[in-house]
Amino acid sequence: MNFVILGCGRVGARMAATLDNMGHHVAVVDKNADSFKRLPSDFKGKEVVGTGIDEDVLRRAGIEEADVFAAVTNGDNTNIMASQVAKEIFNVPRVIARIYDPVRETTYHMLGLETICPTTLITAQMIKDVLPDESE
């Protein structure tokens, strides 16, 4: 499969390296070229410097052939805008955005965007881990 990942922080770099090791085609976009230092030395994918809402940057990353677009920058607004561009302009079949704000996550779900909210996931997991198992 062809993946375009926006953001080469800890999550983006790990996701890119894992998918690359699995044999997928991966392009990573980040506005900071130093971010690509997080990728392993044997990374075979493409590194594209630029912003993820710029259509030309996304084209250089191969968005037109992408099966999946994942926006995992630290900015909710950037992730949402880039995801909308990927979905609405380039018709990428699977688009997912990381959203930190749980209130925004609900809103974007209602707008039809697929999101993952670490705040919600971690909160739910921690509560599950500290509460006694009701089935026992």
Protein backbone atom coordinates (compact mmCIF):
# COMPACT_ATOMS: atom_id res chain seq x y z
CA MET A 1 0.00 0.00 0.00
CA ASN A 2 0.99 3.64 -0.44
CA PHE A 3 1.07 5.81 2.68
CA VAL A 4 1.60 9.53 3.09
CA ILE A 5 2.30 10.57 6.67
CA LEU A 6 2.22 14.20 7.72
CA GLY A 7 4.50 14.84 10.67
CA CYS A 8 7.79 13.16 11.52
CA GLY A 9 7.65 13.43 15.28
CA ARG A 10 7.75 10.34 17.49
CA VAL A 11 4.45 8.95 16.19
CA GLY A 12 5.00 9.79 12.53
CA ALA A 13 8.56 8.46 12.48
CA ARG A 14 7.59 5.25 14.24
CA MET A 15 4.60 4.73 11.98
CA ALA A 16 6.71 5.40 8.87
CA ALA A 17 9.50 3.05 9.98
CA THR A 18 7.05 0.27 10.87
CA LEU A 19 5.15 0.51 7.58
CA ASP A 20 8.41 0.73 5.62
CA ASN A 21 9.70 -2.42 7.36
CA MET A 22 6.45 -4.16 6.43
CA GLY A 23 7.20 -3.44 2.77
CA HIS A 24 4.76 -0.59 2.15
CA HIS A 25 5.58 2.54 0.18
CA VAL A 26 5.86 5.44 2.60
CA ALA A 27 6.34 9.17 2.18
CA VAL A 28 6.76 11.45 5.17
CA VAL A 29 6.08 15.18 5.04
CA ASP A 30 7.41 17.58 7.67
CA LYS A 31 8.12 21.30 7.63
CA ASN A 32 11.38 20.74 9.54
CA ALA A 33 14.07 18.75 7.69
CA ASP A 34 15.77 17.90 11.00
CA SER A 35 12.70 15.84 11.93
CA PHE A 36 13.72 13.19 9.43
CA LYS A 37 16.66 12.32 11.72
CA ARG A 38 14.10 10.34 13.72
CA LEU A 39 13.76 7.88 10.84
CA PRO A 40 16.04 4.83 10.88
CA SER A 41 19.08 4.87 8.62
CA ASP A 42 17.63 2.04 6.52
CA PHE A 43 14.35 3.91 5.81
CA LYS A 44 13.55 3.39 2.12
CA GLY A 45 10.66 5.84 1.88
CA LYS A 46 10.47 9.40 0.68
CA GLU A 47 11.17 12.46 2.84
CA VAL A 48 9.44 15.67 1.73
CA VAL A 49 10.09 19.03 3.39
CA GLY A 50 7.03 21.28 3.41
CA THR A 51 3.64 21.94 4.94
CA GLY A 52 0.90 19.36 4.71
CA ILE A 53 -1.77 21.77 3.52
CA ASP A 54 0.23 22.73 0.42
CA GLU A 55 -1.11 20.77 -2.55
CA ASP A 56 2.23 20.86 -4.38
CA VAL A 57 4.03 19.45 -1.34
CA LEU A 58 1.44 16.68 -1.07
CA ARG A 59 1.83 15.91 -4.78
CA ARG A 60 5.62 15.59 -4.30
CA ALA A 61 4.88 13.11 -1.53
CA GLY A 62 2.72 11.03 -3.87
CA ILE A 63 -0.72 11.90 -2.50
CA GLU A 64 -2.31 11.17 -5.86
CA GLU A 65 -1.35 7.48 -5.51
CA ALA A 66 -1.89 7.24 -1.73
CA ASP A 67 -4.13 4.59 -0.26
CA VAL A 68 -3.83 6.13 3.20
CA PHE A 69 -3.09 9.63 4.51
CA ALA A 70 -2.29 10.05 8.20
CA ALA A 71 -1.92 13.50 9.76
CA VAL A 72 0.02 13.22 13.02
CA THR A 73 1.57 16.65 13.59
CA ASN A 74 1.31 18.33 16.99
CA GLY A 75 -1.32 20.75 15.67
CA ASP A 76 -5.00 19.85 15.57
CA ASN A 77 -5.76 22.59 13.03
CA THR A 78 -2.99 21.46 10.68
CA ASN A 79 -4.07 17.84 10.95
CA ILE A 80 -7.69 18.67 10.21
CA MET A 81 -6.93 21.00 7.30
CA ALA A 82 -4.47 18.56 5.72
CA SER A 83 -6.92 15.69 6.17
CA GLN A 84 -9.66 17.67 4.45
CA VAL A 85 -7.31 18.42 1.55
CA ALA A 86 -6.37 14.74 1.25
CA LYS A 87 -9.99 13.63 1.41
CA GLU A 88 -11.77 16.32 -0.60
CA ILE A 89 -9.19 17.36 -3.20
CA PHE A 90 -7.16 14.18 -3.71
CA ASN A 91 -9.85 11.62 -2.84
CA VAL A 92 -7.51 9.50 -0.74
CA PRO A 93 -9.52 6.40 0.21
CA ARG A 94 -8.48 6.34 3.89
CA VAL A 95 -7.69 9.52 5.80
CA ILE A 96 -7.06 9.70 9.53
CA ALA A 97 -6.07 12.60 11.77
CA ARG A 98 -4.69 12.72 15.28
CA ILE A 99 -6.67 15.23 17.34
CA TYR A 100 -5.65 16.11 20.89
CA ASP A 101 -8.82 18.00 21.85
CA PRO A 102 -11.69 15.56 22.63
CA VAL A 103 -14.32 18.24 21.99
CA ARG A 104 -12.95 18.82 18.49
CA GLU A 105 -12.75 15.09 17.90
CA THR A 106 -16.50 14.76 18.36
CA THR A 107 -17.15 17.67 16.01
CA TYR A 108 -14.89 16.29 13.29
CA HIS A 109 -16.46 12.84 13.57
CA MET A 110 -19.82 14.49 12.89
CA LEU A 111 -18.25 16.06 9.78
CA GLY A 112 -17.21 12.63 8.56
CA LEU A 113 -13.50 12.74 9.36
CA GLU A 114 -11.79 9.73 10.91
CA THR A 115 -9.82 10.77 13.97
CA ILE A 116 -7.80 9.31 16.80
CA CYS A 117 -7.64 11.26 20.05
CA PRO A 118 -4.75 10.23 22.32
CA THR A 119 -6.38 12.16 25.18
CA THR A 120 -9.53 10.03 24.95
CA LEU A 121 -7.67 6.75 24.41
CA ILE A 122 -5.21 7.23 27.26
CA THR A 123 -7.90 8.42 29.66
CA ALA A 124 -10.08 5.39 28.92
CA GLN A 125 -7.15 2.99 29.28
CA MET A 126 -5.97 4.49 32.56
CA ILE A 127 -9.46 4.40 34.06
CA LYS A 128 -9.83 0.79 32.91
CA ASP A 129 -6.49 -0.09 34.49
CA VAL A 130 -7.22 1.48 37.88
CA LEU A 131 -10.83 0.37 38.37
CA PRO A 132 -11.54 -3.14 39.60
CA ASP A 133 -12.75 -5.61 37.00
CA GLU A 134 -16.56 -5.70 37.38
CA SER A 135 -16.78 -9.22 35.92
CA GLU A 136 -14.90 -10.85 38.79
